[in-house]
Amino acid sequence: MLEGASGGGVKRLIFLSDDGEIAIDADESVSVMQAAKAHGVPGIDADCGGSMVCGTCHVYVLDDLRGTLPAPSDMEREMLEYVPDPHPEARLSCQLRVSDCADGMRFEVPHAQR
């Protein structure tokens, strides 16, 4: 794990989109959505700002370590029923903390958001 300038931990997250692989160094104190937005990851629109009401930040968790992430809440599961391109590995990135992710965890931005 890398150390951030503020003394907090930083993890490498990898996003797959039409632009190929985008690797970012994300501060552990934020959500995956906040980190993706801060680094300009295409397709992570987050129209609601992380309020879990729009689904425009959803991603597919590709890593085999996805089972180490906290389970989605009932509200997150319900919201994921309404996103374009539903997928069994879909999560709302606003509900995932970088601190809960494995270093090098991989996410795919759904085609409907690209």
PDB file of N, CA and C in Angstrom:
ATOM      1  N   MET A   1       0.838  -1.171   0.000  1.00  0.00           N
ATOM      2  CA  MET A   1       0.000   0.000   0.000  1.00  0.00           C
ATOM      3  C   MET A   1       0.884   1.235   0.000  1.00  0.00           C
ATOM      4  N   LEU A   2       0.477   2.247  -0.779  1.00  0.00           N
ATOM      5  CA  LEU A   2       1.203   3.499  -0.872  1.00  0.00           C
ATOM      6  C   LEU A   2       0.747   4.434   0.236  1.00  0.00           C
ATOM      7  N   GLU A   3       1.591   5.355   0.624  1.00  0.00           N
ATOM      8  CA  GLU A   3       1.205   6.353   1.616  1.00  0.00           C
ATOM      9  C   GLU A   3       0.880   7.659   0.913  1.00  0.00           C
ATOM     10  N   GLY A   4      -0.223   8.286   1.302  1.00  0.00           N
ATOM     11  CA  GLY A   4      -0.623   9.562   0.727  1.00  0.00           C
ATOM     12  C   GLY A   4       0.104  10.706   1.406  1.00  0.00           C
ATOM     13  N   ALA A   5       0.073  11.860   0.773  1.00  0.00           N
ATOM     14  CA  ALA A   5       0.746  13.039   1.309  1.00  0.00           C
ATOM     15  C   ALA A   5       0.144  13.465   2.640  1.00  0.00           C
ATOM     16  N   SER A   6      -1.138  13.192   2.847  1.00  0.00           N
ATOM     17  CA  SER A   6      -1.794  13.588   4.086  1.00  0.00           C
ATOM     18  C   SER A   6      -1.575  12.566   5.196  1.00  0.00           C
ATOM     19  N   GLY A   7      -0.837  11.522   4.916  1.00  0.00           N
ATOM     20  CA  GLY A   7      -0.575  10.507   5.920  1.00  0.00           C
ATOM     21  C   GLY A   7      -1.570   9.365   5.878  1.00  0.00           C
ATOM     22  N   GLY A   8      -2.664   9.528   5.112  1.00  0.00           N
ATOM     23  CA  GLY A   8      -3.644   8.461   4.969  1.00  0.00           C
ATOM     24  C   GLY A   8      -3.178   7.456   3.937  1.00  0.00           C
ATOM     25  N   GLY A   9      -3.763   6.288   3.967  1.00  0.00           N
ATOM     26  CA  GLY A   9      -3.394   5.264   3.007  1.00  0.00           C
ATOM     27  C   GLY A   9      -3.951   5.548   1.630  1.00  0.00           C
ATOM     28  N   VAL A  10      -3.284   5.023   0.641  1.00  0.00           N
ATOM     29  CA  VAL A  10      -3.693   5.164  -0.750  1.00  0.00           C
ATOM     30  C   VAL A  10      -3.676   3.775  -1.365  1.00  0.00           C
ATOM     31  N   LYS A  11      -4.691   3.484  -2.160  1.00  0.00           N
ATOM     32  CA  LYS A  11      -4.742   2.201  -2.865  1.00  0.00           C
ATOM     33  C   LYS A  11      -4.877   2.453  -4.354  1.00  0.00           C
ATOM     34  N   ARG A  12      -4.321   1.544  -5.124  1.00  0.00           N
ATOM     35  CA  ARG A  12      -4.445   1.582  -6.575  1.00  0.00           C
ATOM     36  C   ARG A  12      -5.762   0.903  -6.942  1.00  0.00           C
ATOM     37  N   LEU A  13      -6.588   1.607  -7.726  1.00  0.00           N
ATOM     38  CA  LEU A  13      -7.826   1.058  -8.270  1.00  0.00           C
ATOM     39  C   LEU A  13      -7.725   1.133  -9.782  1.00  0.00           C
ATOM     40  N   ILE A  14      -8.278   0.147 -10.462  1.00  0.00           N
ATOM     41  CA  ILE A  14      -8.194   0.086 -11.911  1.00  0.00           C
ATOM     42  C   ILE A  14      -9.601   0.032 -12.492  1.00  0.00           C
ATOM     43  N   PHE A  15      -9.873   0.930 -13.440  1.00  0.00           N
ATOM     44  CA  PHE A  15     -11.175   1.002 -14.100  1.00  0.00           C
ATOM     45  C   PHE A  15     -11.006   0.655 -15.569  1.00  0.00           C
ATOM     46  N   LEU A  16     -11.901  -0.171 -16.086  1.00  0.00           N
ATOM     47  CA  LEU A  16     -11.922  -0.508 -17.504  1.00  0.00           C
ATOM     48  C   LEU A  16     -13.065   0.259 -18.153  1.00  0.00           C
ATOM     49  N   SER A  17     -12.741   0.979 -19.225  1.00  0.00           N
ATOM     50  CA  SER A  17     -13.759   1.725 -19.955  1.00  0.00           C
ATOM     51  C   SER A  17     -13.363   1.755 -21.418  1.00  0.00           C
ATOM     52  N   ASP A  18     -14.042   2.561 -22.204  1.00  0.00           N
ATOM     53  CA  ASP A  18     -13.704   2.665 -23.624  1.00  0.00           C
ATOM     54  C   ASP A  18     -12.298   3.208 -23.838  1.00  0.00           C
ATOM     55  N   ASP A  19     -11.781   3.910 -22.845  1.00  0.00           N
ATOM     56  CA  ASP A  19     -10.429   4.452 -22.931  1.00  0.00           C
ATOM     57  C   ASP A  19      -9.376   3.431 -22.510  1.00  0.00           C
ATOM     58  N   GLY A  20      -9.771   2.185 -22.304  1.00  0.00           N
ATOM     59  CA  GLY A  20      -8.846   1.148 -21.858  1.00  0.00           C
ATOM     60  C   GLY A  20      -8.799   1.083 -20.340  1.00  0.00           C
ATOM     61  N   GLU A  21      -7.652   0.717 -19.817  1.00  0.00           N
ATOM     62  CA  GLU A  21      -7.469   0.635 -18.364  1.00  0.00           C
ATOM     63  C   GLU A  21      -7.038   1.981 -17.823  1.00  0.00           C
ATOM     64  N   ILE A  22      -7.702   2.407 -16.786  1.00  0.00           N
ATOM     65  CA  ILE A  22      -7.338   3.658 -16.113  1.00  0.00           C
ATOM     66  C   ILE A  22      -7.002   3.303 -14.674  1.00  0.00           C
ATOM     67  N   ALA A  23      -5.744   3.451 -14.306  1.00  0.00           N
ATOM     68  CA  ALA A  23      -5.301   3.159 -12.944  1.00  0.00           C
ATOM     69  C   ALA A  23      -5.205   4.479 -12.180  1.00  0.00           C
ATOM     70  N   ILE A  24      -5.794   4.495 -10.993  1.00  0.00           N
ATOM     71  CA  ILE A  24      -5.735   5.693 -10.161  1.00  0.00           C
ATOM     72  C   ILE A  24      -5.219   5.317  -8.771  1.00  0.00           C
ATOM     73  N   ASP A  25      -4.607   6.273  -8.122  1.00  0.00           N
ATOM     74  CA  ASP A  25      -4.213   6.114  -6.730  1.00  0.00           C
ATOM     75  C   ASP A  25      -5.264   6.844  -5.904  1.00  0.00           C
ATOM     76  N   ALA A  26      -6.031   6.090  -5.128  1.00  0.00           N
ATOM     77  CA  ALA A  26      -7.187   6.625  -4.418  1.00  0.00           C
ATOM     78  C   ALA A  26      -6.941   6.662  -2.913  1.00  0.00           C
ATOM     79  N   ASP A  27      -7.269   7.775  -2.307  1.00  0.00           N
ATOM     80  CA  ASP A  27      -7.143   7.943  -0.863  1.00  0.00           C
ATOM     81  C   ASP A  27      -8.166   7.043  -0.169  1.00  0.00           C
ATOM     82  N   GLU A  28      -7.743   6.341   0.844  1.00  0.00           N
ATOM     83  CA  GLU A  28      -8.621   5.402   1.549  1.00  0.00           C
ATOM     84  C   GLU A  28      -9.776   6.070   2.289  1.00  0.00           C
ATOM     85  N   SER A  29      -9.728   7.376   2.466  1.00  0.00           N
ATOM     86  CA  SER A  29     -10.759   8.062   3.241  1.00  0.00           C
ATOM     87  C   SER A  29     -12.004   8.412   2.432  1.00  0.00           C
ATOM     88  N   VAL A  30     -12.016   8.106   1.123  1.00  0.00           N
ATOM     89  CA  VAL A  30     -13.143   8.495   0.276  1.00  0.00           C
ATOM     90  C   VAL A  30     -13.834   7.259  -0.301  1.00  0.00           C
ATOM     91  N   SER A  31     -14.951   7.506  -0.980  1.00  0.00           N
ATOM     92  CA  SER A  31     -15.643   6.425  -1.673  1.00  0.00           C
ATOM     93  C   SER A  31     -14.975   6.183  -3.024  1.00  0.00           C
ATOM     94  N   VAL A  32     -15.228   5.028  -3.593  1.00  0.00           N
ATOM     95  CA  VAL A  32     -14.707   4.713  -4.926  1.00  0.00           C
ATOM     96  C   VAL A  32     -15.240   5.735  -5.924  1.00  0.00           C
ATOM     97  N   MET A  33     -16.496   6.157  -5.785  1.00  0.00           N
ATOM     98  CA  MET A  33     -17.078   7.163  -6.660  1.00  0.00           C
ATOM     99  C   MET A  33     -16.324   8.484  -6.564  1.00  0.00           C
ATOM    100  N   GLN A  34     -16.045   8.942  -5.354  1.00  0.00           N
ATOM    101  CA  GLN A  34     -15.326  10.205  -5.175  1.00  0.00           C
ATOM    102  C   GLN A  34     -13.937  10.135  -5.800  1.00  0.00           C
ATOM    103  N   ALA A  35     -13.263   9.017  -5.627  1.00  0.00           N
ATOM    104  CA  ALA A  35     -11.929   8.850  -6.207  1.00  0.00           C
ATOM    105  C   ALA A  35     -12.008   8.845  -7.730  1.00  0.00           C
ATOM    106  N   ALA A  36     -12.983   8.129  -8.285  1.00  0.00           N
ATOM    107  CA  ALA A  36     -13.130   8.063  -9.744  1.00  0.00           C
ATOM    108  C   ALA A  36     -13.438   9.442 -10.323  1.00  0.00           C
ATOM    109  N   LYS A  37     -14.331  10.176  -9.681  1.00  0.00           N
ATOM    110  CA  LYS A  37     -14.670  11.527 -10.147  1.00  0.00           C
ATOM    111  C   LYS A  37     -13.457  12.449 -10.065  1.00  0.00           C
ATOM    112  N   ALA A  38     -12.718  12.380  -8.979  1.00  0.00           N
ATOM    113  CA  ALA A  38     -11.551  13.240  -8.791  1.00  0.00           C
ATOM    114  C   ALA A  38     -10.479  12.978  -9.847  1.00  0.00           C
ATOM    115  N   HIS A  39     -10.435  11.748 -10.359  1.00  0.00           N
ATOM    116  CA  HIS A  39      -9.427  11.388 -11.364  1.00  0.00           C
ATOM    117  C   HIS A  39      -9.994  11.381 -12.791  1.00  0.00           C
ATOM    118  N   GLY A  40     -11.236  11.828 -12.944  1.00  0.00           N
ATOM    119  CA  GLY A  40     -11.824  11.948 -14.275  1.00  0.00           C
ATOM    120  C   GLY A  40     -12.094  10.644 -14.982  1.00  0.00           C
ATOM    121  N   VAL A  41     -12.452   9.597 -14.246  1.00  0.00           N
ATOM    122  CA  VAL A  41     -12.760   8.317 -14.881  1.00  0.00           C
ATOM    123  C   VAL A  41     -14.048   8.486 -15.695  1.00  0.00           C
ATOM    124  N   PRO A  42     -13.983   8.285 -17.018  1.00  0.00           N
ATOM    125  CA  PRO A  42     -15.164   8.466 -17.868  1.00  0.00           C
ATOM    126  C   PRO A  42     -16.279   7.487 -17.509  1.00  0.00           C
ATOM    127  N   GLY A  43     -17.513   7.988 -17.504  1.00  0.00           N
ATOM    128  CA  GLY A  43     -18.675   7.136 -17.265  1.00  0.00           C
ATOM    129  C   GLY A  43     -19.129   7.085 -15.827  1.00  0.00           C
ATOM    130  N   ILE A  44     -18.344   7.598 -14.914  1.00  0.00           N
ATOM    131  CA  ILE A  44     -18.780   7.682 -13.517  1.00  0.00           C
ATOM    132  C   ILE A  44     -19.362   9.080 -13.350  1.00  0.00           C
ATOM    133  N   ASP A  45     -20.655   9.216 -13.659  1.00  0.00           N
ATOM    134  CA  ASP A  45     -21.301  10.530 -13.660  1.00  0.00           C
ATOM    135  C   ASP A  45     -21.707  10.971 -12.259  1.00  0.00           C
ATOM    136  N   ALA A  46     -22.235  10.049 -11.468  1.00  0.00           N
ATOM    137  CA  ALA A  46     -22.631  10.356 -10.091  1.00  0.00           C
ATOM    138  C   ALA A  46     -23.525  11.590 -10.046  1.00  0.00           C
ATOM    139  N   ASP A  47     -24.589  11.573 -10.835  1.00  0.00           N
ATOM    140  CA  ASP A  47     -25.492  12.720 -10.929  1.00  0.00           C
ATOM    141  C   ASP A  47     -26.065  13.149  -9.581  1.00  0.00           C
ATOM    142  N   CYS A  48     -26.264  12.203  -8.678  1.00  0.00           N
ATOM    143  CA  CYS A  48     -26.874  12.540  -7.375  1.00  0.00           C
ATOM    144  C   CYS A  48     -25.824  12.884  -6.324  1.00  0.00           C
ATOM    145  N   GLY A  49     -24.556  12.813  -6.686  1.00  0.00           N
ATOM    146  CA  GLY A  49     -23.495  13.169  -5.751  1.00  0.00           C
ATOM    147  C   GLY A  49     -23.237  12.144  -4.667  1.00  0.00           C
ATOM    148  N   GLY A  50     -23.731  10.947  -4.840  1.00  0.00           N
ATOM    149  CA  GLY A  50     -23.488   9.887  -3.859  1.00  0.00           C
ATOM    150  C   GLY A  50     -24.645   9.648  -2.918  1.00  0.00           C
ATOM    151  N   SER A  51     -25.823  10.134  -3.269  1.00  0.00           N
ATOM    152  CA  SER A  51     -27.006   9.956  -2.417  1.00  0.00           C
ATOM    153  C   SER A  51     -27.728   8.635  -2.642  1.00  0.00           C
ATOM    154  N   MET A  52     -27.209   7.824  -3.557  1.00  0.00           N
ATOM    155  CA  MET A  52     -27.766   6.501  -3.855  1.00  0.00           C
ATOM    156  C   MET A  52     -29.185   6.581  -4.427  1.00  0.00           C
ATOM    157  N   VAL A  53     -29.415   7.578  -5.305  1.00  0.00           N
ATOM    158  CA  VAL A  53     -30.734   7.687  -5.916  1.00  0.00           C
ATOM    159  C   VAL A  53     -30.714   7.695  -7.442  1.00  0.00           C
ATOM    160  N   CYS A  54     -29.511   7.644  -8.075  1.00  0.00           N
ATOM    161  CA  CYS A  54     -29.500   7.743  -9.534  1.00  0.00           C
ATOM    162  C   CYS A  54     -28.899   6.531 -10.231  1.00  0.00           C
ATOM    163  N   GLY A  55     -27.949   5.877  -9.625  1.00  0.00           N
ATOM    164  CA  GLY A  55     -27.317   4.705 -10.241  1.00  0.00           C
ATOM    165  C   GLY A  55     -26.280   5.033 -11.299  1.00  0.00           C
ATOM    166  N   THR A  56     -25.959   6.317 -11.526  1.00  0.00           N
ATOM    167  CA  THR A  56     -25.008   6.671 -12.586  1.00  0.00           C
ATOM    168  C   THR A  56     -23.552   6.518 -12.163  1.00  0.00           C
ATOM    169  N   CYS A  57     -23.341   5.909 -11.017  1.00  0.00           N
ATOM    170  CA  CYS A  57     -21.968   5.620 -10.578  1.00  0.00           C
ATOM    171  C   CYS A  57     -21.734   4.118 -10.501  1.00  0.00           C
ATOM    172  N   HIS A  58     -22.683   3.332 -11.023  1.00  0.00           N
ATOM    173  CA  HIS A  58     -22.527   1.894 -10.821  1.00  0.00           C
ATOM    174  C   HIS A  58     -21.397   1.332 -11.670  1.00  0.00           C
ATOM    175  N   VAL A  59     -20.787   0.312 -11.124  1.00  0.00           N
ATOM    176  CA  VAL A  59     -19.646  -0.360 -11.731  1.00  0.00           C
ATOM    177  C   VAL A  59     -19.824  -1.858 -11.551  1.00  0.00           C
ATOM    178  N   TYR A  60     -19.075  -2.618 -12.314  1.00  0.00           N
ATOM    179  CA  TYR A  60     -18.996  -4.065 -12.111  1.00  0.00           C
ATOM    180  C   TYR A  60     -17.670  -4.340 -11.414  1.00  0.00           C
ATOM    181  N   VAL A  61     -17.708  -5.061 -10.329  1.00  0.00           N
ATOM    182  CA  VAL A  61     -16.489  -5.411  -9.601  1.00  0.00           C
ATOM    183  C   VAL A  61     -15.933  -6.676 -10.235  1.00  0.00           C
ATOM    184  N   LEU A  62     -14.755  -6.577 -10.846  1.00  0.00           N
ATOM    185  CA  LEU A  62     -14.189  -7.680 -11.614  1.00  0.00           C
ATOM    186  C   LEU A  62     -13.266  -8.571 -10.799  1.00  0.00           C
ATOM    187  N   ASP A  63     -12.782  -8.072  -9.718  1.00  0.00           N
ATOM    188  CA  ASP A  63     -11.749  -8.770  -8.955  1.00  0.00           C
ATOM    189  C   ASP A  63     -12.317  -9.968  -8.212  1.00  0.00           C
ATOM    190  N   ASP A  64     -11.530 -11.035  -8.128  1.00  0.00           N
ATOM    191  CA  ASP A  64     -11.944 -12.210  -7.368  1.00  0.00           C
ATOM    192  C   ASP A  64     -12.082 -11.906  -5.879  1.00  0.00           C
ATOM    193  N   LEU A  65     -11.512 -10.800  -5.440  1.00  0.00           N
ATOM    194  CA  LEU A  65     -11.598 -10.412  -4.031  1.00  0.00           C
ATOM    195  C   LEU A  65     -12.862  -9.624  -3.712  1.00  0.00           C
ATOM    196  N   ARG A  66     -13.799  -9.540  -4.673  1.00  0.00           N
ATOM    197  CA  ARG A  66     -15.024  -8.773  -4.434  1.00  0.00           C
ATOM    198  C   ARG A  66     -15.787  -9.283  -3.224  1.00  0.00           C
ATOM    199  N   GLY A  67     -15.599 -10.543  -2.885  1.00  0.00           N
ATOM    200  CA  GLY A  67     -16.261 -11.119  -1.712  1.00  0.00           C
ATOM    201  C   GLY A  67     -15.765 -10.529  -0.408  1.00  0.00           C
ATOM    202  N   THR A  68     -14.645  -9.818  -0.452  1.00  0.00           N
ATOM    203  CA  THR A  68     -14.134  -9.179   0.759  1.00  0.00           C
ATOM    204  C   THR A  68     -14.803  -7.828   1.016  1.00  0.00           C
ATOM    205  N   LEU A  69     -15.530  -7.320   0.007  1.00  0.00           N
ATOM    206  CA  LEU A  69     -16.237  -6.057   0.185  1.00  0.00           C
ATOM    207  C   LEU A  69     -17.456  -6.266   1.080  1.00  0.00           C
ATOM    208  N   PRO A  70     -17.858  -5.252   1.826  1.00  0.00           N
ATOM    209  CA  PRO A  70     -19.100  -5.372   2.599  1.00  0.00           C
ATOM    210  C   PRO A  70     -20.271  -5.635   1.656  1.00  0.00           C
ATOM    211  N   ALA A  71     -21.221  -6.385   2.119  1.00  0.00           N
ATOM    212  CA  ALA A  71     -22.401  -6.689   1.311  1.00  0.00           C
ATOM    213  C   ALA A  71     -23.182  -5.406   1.033  1.00  0.00           C
ATOM    214  N   PRO A  72     -23.844  -5.333  -0.128  1.00  0.00           N
ATOM    215  CA  PRO A  72     -24.658  -4.150  -0.403  1.00  0.00           C
ATOM    216  C   PRO A  72     -25.853  -4.079   0.551  1.00  0.00           C
ATOM    217  N   SER A  73     -26.234  -2.864   0.880  1.00  0.00           N
ATOM    218  CA  SER A  73     -27.417  -2.669   1.720  1.00  0.00           C
ATOM    219  C   SER A  73     -28.663  -3.009   0.904  1.00  0.00           C
ATOM    220  N   ASP A  74     -29.784  -3.157   1.579  1.00  0.00           N
ATOM    221  CA  ASP A  74     -31.042  -3.416   0.875  1.00  0.00           C
ATOM    222  C   ASP A  74     -31.354  -2.285  -0.100  1.00  0.00           C
ATOM    223  N   MET A  75     -31.079  -1.043   0.301  1.00  0.00           N
ATOM    224  CA  MET A  75     -31.349   0.103  -0.565  1.00  0.00           C
ATOM    225  C   MET A  75     -30.451   0.074  -1.809  1.00  0.00           C
ATOM    226  N   GLU A  76     -29.168  -0.292  -1.634  1.00  0.00           N
ATOM    227  CA  GLU A  76     -28.279  -0.385  -2.786  1.00  0.00           C
ATOM    228  C   GLU A  76     -28.749  -1.484  -3.733  1.00  0.00           C
ATOM    229  N   ARG A  77     -29.103  -2.643  -3.188  1.00  0.00           N
ATOM    230  CA  ARG A  77     -29.596  -3.742  -4.035  1.00  0.00           C
ATOM    231  C   ARG A  77     -30.834  -3.317  -4.812  1.00  0.00           C
ATOM    232  N   GLU A  78     -31.729  -2.596  -4.148  1.00  0.00           N
ATOM    233  CA  GLU A  78     -32.951  -2.136  -4.810  1.00  0.00           C
ATOM    234  C   GLU A  78     -32.618  -1.160  -5.936  1.00  0.00           C
ATOM    235  N   MET A  79     -31.707  -0.231  -5.689  1.00  0.00           N
ATOM    236  CA  MET A  79     -31.331   0.739  -6.714  1.00  0.00           C
ATOM    237  C   MET A  79     -30.693   0.044  -7.917  1.00  0.00           C
ATOM    238  N   LEU A  80     -29.903  -0.998  -7.667  1.00  0.00           N
ATOM    239  CA  LEU A  80     -29.234  -1.719  -8.754  1.00  0.00           C
ATOM    240  C   LEU A  80     -30.212  -2.474  -9.653  1.00  0.00           C
ATOM    241  N   GLU A  81     -31.439  -2.690  -9.182  1.00  0.00           N
ATOM    242  CA  GLU A  81     -32.454  -3.328 -10.019  1.00  0.00           C
ATOM    243  C   GLU A  81     -32.897  -2.419 -11.163  1.00  0.00           C
ATOM    244  N   TYR A  82     -32.648  -1.123 -11.040  1.00  0.00           N
ATOM    245  CA  TYR A  82     -33.137  -0.147 -12.014  1.00  0.00           C
ATOM    246  C   TYR A  82     -32.059   0.422 -12.920  1.00  0.00           C
ATOM    247  N   VAL A  83     -30.814  -0.006 -12.760  1.00  0.00           N
ATOM    248  CA  VAL A  83     -29.746   0.527 -13.613  1.00  0.00           C
ATOM    249  C   VAL A  83     -29.785  -0.148 -14.982  1.00  0.00           C
ATOM    250  N   PRO A  84     -29.315   0.553 -16.019  1.00  0.00           N
ATOM    251  CA  PRO A  84     -29.174  -0.112 -17.322  1.00  0.00           C
ATOM    252  C   PRO A  84     -28.121  -1.210 -17.210  1.00  0.00           C
ATOM    253  N   ASP A  85     -28.245  -2.236 -17.976  1.00  0.00           N
ATOM    254  CA  ASP A  85     -27.287  -3.340 -17.985  1.00  0.00           C
ATOM    255  C   ASP A  85     -27.084  -3.957 -16.595  1.00  0.00           C
ATOM    256  N   PRO A  86     -28.156  -4.418 -15.929  1.00  0.00           N
ATOM    257  CA  PRO A  86     -27.969  -5.050 -14.615  1.00  0.00           C
ATOM    258  C   PRO A  86     -26.991  -6.222 -14.729  1.00  0.00           C
ATOM    259  N   HIS A  87     -26.243  -6.426 -13.688  1.00  0.00           N
ATOM    260  CA  HIS A  87     -25.177  -7.424 -13.706  1.00  0.00           C
ATOM    261  C   HIS A  87     -25.027  -7.965 -12.280  1.00  0.00           C
ATOM    262  N   PRO A  88     -24.752  -9.256 -12.105  1.00  0.00           N
ATOM    263  CA  PRO A  88     -24.638  -9.809 -10.748  1.00  0.00           C
ATOM    264  C   PRO A  88     -23.484  -9.230  -9.938  1.00  0.00           C
ATOM    265  N   GLU A  89     -22.485  -8.667 -10.603  1.00  0.00           N
ATOM    266  CA  GLU A  89     -21.341  -8.099  -9.885  1.00  0.00           C
ATOM    267  C   GLU A  89     -21.415  -6.571  -9.802  1.00  0.00           C
ATOM    268  N   ALA A  90     -22.596  -6.005 -10.091  1.00  0.00           N
ATOM    269  CA  ALA A  90     -22.754  -4.554 -10.059  1.00  0.00           C
ATOM    270  C   ALA A  90     -22.809  -4.047  -8.622  1.00  0.00           C
ATOM    271  N   ARG A  91     -22.196  -2.885  -8.431  1.00  0.00           N
ATOM    272  CA  ARG A  91     -22.242  -2.173  -7.149  1.00  0.00           C
ATOM    273  C   ARG A  91     -22.327  -0.685  -7.454  1.00  0.00           C
ATOM    274  N   LEU A  92     -22.862   0.071  -6.521  1.00  0.00           N
ATOM    275  CA  LEU A  92     -22.829   1.523  -6.616  1.00  0.00           C
ATOM    276  C   LEU A  92     -21.502   1.978  -6.030  1.00  0.00           C
ATOM    277  N   SER A  93     -20.698   2.646  -6.845  1.00  0.00           N
ATOM    278  CA  SER A  93     -19.369   3.032  -6.359  1.00  0.00           C
ATOM    279  C   SER A  93     -19.446   4.066  -5.235  1.00  0.00           C
ATOM    280  N   CYS A  94     -20.583   4.754  -5.106  1.00  0.00           N
ATOM    281  CA  CYS A  94     -20.736   5.702  -3.998  1.00  0.00           C
ATOM    282  C   CYS A  94     -20.868   4.986  -2.663  1.00  0.00           C
ATOM    283  N   GLN A  95     -21.188   3.708  -2.698  1.00  0.00           N
ATOM    284  CA  GLN A  95     -21.373   2.931  -1.473  1.00  0.00           C
ATOM    285  C   GLN A  95     -20.157   2.085  -1.122  1.00  0.00           C
ATOM    286  N   LEU A  96     -19.129   2.135  -1.965  1.00  0.00           N
ATOM    287  CA  LEU A  96     -17.904   1.380  -1.710  1.00  0.00           C
ATOM    288  C   LEU A  96     -16.825   2.324  -1.212  1.00  0.00           C
ATOM    289  N   ARG A  97     -16.252   2.020  -0.076  1.00  0.00           N
ATOM    290  CA  ARG A  97     -15.145   2.815   0.459  1.00  0.00           C
ATOM    291  C   ARG A  97     -13.838   2.263  -0.101  1.00  0.00           C
ATOM    292  N   VAL A  98     -12.942   3.144  -0.471  1.00  0.00           N
ATOM    293  CA  VAL A  98     -11.637   2.716  -0.960  1.00  0.00           C
ATOM    294  C   VAL A  98     -10.951   1.861   0.105  1.00  0.00           C
ATOM    295  N   SER A  99     -11.140   2.215   1.364  1.00  0.00           N
ATOM    296  CA  SER A  99     -10.496   1.467   2.451  1.00  0.00           C
ATOM    297  C   SER A  99     -10.938   0.009   2.490  1.00  0.00           C
ATOM    298  N   ASP A 100     -12.119  -0.305   1.952  1.00  0.00           N
ATOM    299  CA  ASP A 100     -12.612  -1.684   1.927  1.00  0.00           C
ATOM    300  C   ASP A 100     -12.144  -2.468   0.704  1.00  0.00           C
ATOM    301  N   CYS A 101     -11.552  -1.777  -0.256  1.00  0.00           N
ATOM    302  CA  CYS A 101     -11.115  -2.410  -1.504  1.00  0.00           C
ATOM    303  C   CYS A 101      -9.717  -2.994  -1.351  1.00  0.00           C
ATOM    304  N   ALA A 102      -9.474  -4.052  -2.089  1.00  0.00           N
ATOM    305  CA  ALA A 102      -8.120  -4.610  -2.167  1.00  0.00           C
ATOM    306  C   ALA A 102      -7.283  -3.691  -3.052  1.00  0.00           C
ATOM    307  N   ASP A 103      -6.015  -3.547  -2.730  1.00  0.00           N
ATOM    308  CA  ASP A 103      -5.106  -2.781  -3.569  1.00  0.00           C
ATOM    309  C   ASP A 103      -5.068  -3.436  -4.949  1.00  0.00           C
ATOM    310  N   GLY A 104      -5.283  -2.659  -5.994  1.00  0.00           N
ATOM    311  CA  GLY A 104      -5.305  -3.191  -7.355  1.00  0.00           C
ATOM    312  C   GLY A 104      -6.661  -3.710  -7.792  1.00  0.00           C
ATOM    313  N   MET A 105      -7.714  -3.500  -6.992  1.00  0.00           N
ATOM    314  CA  MET A 105      -9.045  -3.987  -7.348  1.00  0.00           C
ATOM    315  C   MET A 105      -9.477  -3.376  -8.676  1.00  0.00           C
ATOM    316  N   ARG A 106     -10.175  -4.197  -9.479  1.00  0.00           N
ATOM    317  CA  ARG A 106     -10.565  -3.807 -10.826  1.00  0.00           C
ATOM    318  C   ARG A 106     -12.074  -3.647 -10.929  1.00  0.00           C
ATOM    319  N   PHE A 107     -12.478  -2.590 -11.643  1.00  0.00           N
ATOM    320  CA  PHE A 107     -13.884  -2.262 -11.857  1.00  0.00           C
ATOM    321  C   PHE A 107     -14.096  -2.010 -13.345  1.00  0.00           C
ATOM    322  N   GLU A 108     -15.266  -2.396 -13.845  1.00  0.00           N
ATOM    323  CA  GLU A 108     -15.621  -2.076 -15.226  1.00  0.00           C
ATOM    324  C   GLU A 108     -16.749  -1.054 -15.218  1.00  0.00           C
ATOM    325  N   VAL A 109     -16.609  -0.026 -16.029  1.00  0.00           N
ATOM    326  CA  VAL A 109     -17.683   0.944 -16.208  1.00  0.00           C
ATOM    327  C   VAL A 109     -18.651   0.333 -17.220  1.00  0.00           C
ATOM    328  N   PRO A 110     -19.939   0.178 -16.858  1.00  0.00           N
ATOM    329  CA  PRO A 110     -20.902  -0.448 -17.770  1.00  0.00           C
ATOM    330  C   PRO A 110     -21.002   0.289 -19.111  1.00  0.00           C
ATOM    331  N   HIS A 111     -21.257  -0.446 -20.174  1.00  0.00           N
ATOM    332  CA  HIS A 111     -21.344   0.129 -21.511  1.00  0.00           C
ATOM    333  C   HIS A 111     -22.400   1.229 -21.588  1.00  0.00           C
ATOM    334  N   ALA A 112     -23.501   1.092 -20.862  1.00  0.00           N
ATOM    335  CA  ALA A 112     -24.567   2.093 -20.903  1.00  0.00           C
ATOM    336  C   ALA A 112     -24.117   3.444 -20.361  1.00  0.00           C
ATOM    337  N   GLN A 113     -23.040   3.478 -19.612  1.00  0.00           N
ATOM    338  CA  GLN A 113     -22.544   4.730 -19.032  1.00  0.00           C
ATOM    339  C   GLN A 113     -21.376   5.315 -19.820  1.00  0.00           C
ATOM    340  N   ARG A 114     -20.936   4.620 -20.838  1.00  0.00           N
ATOM    341  CA  ARG A 114     -19.746   5.096 -21.569  1.00  0.00           C
ATOM    342  C   ARG A 114     -20.129   6.074 -22.668  1.00  0.00           C
TER     343      ARG A 114
END
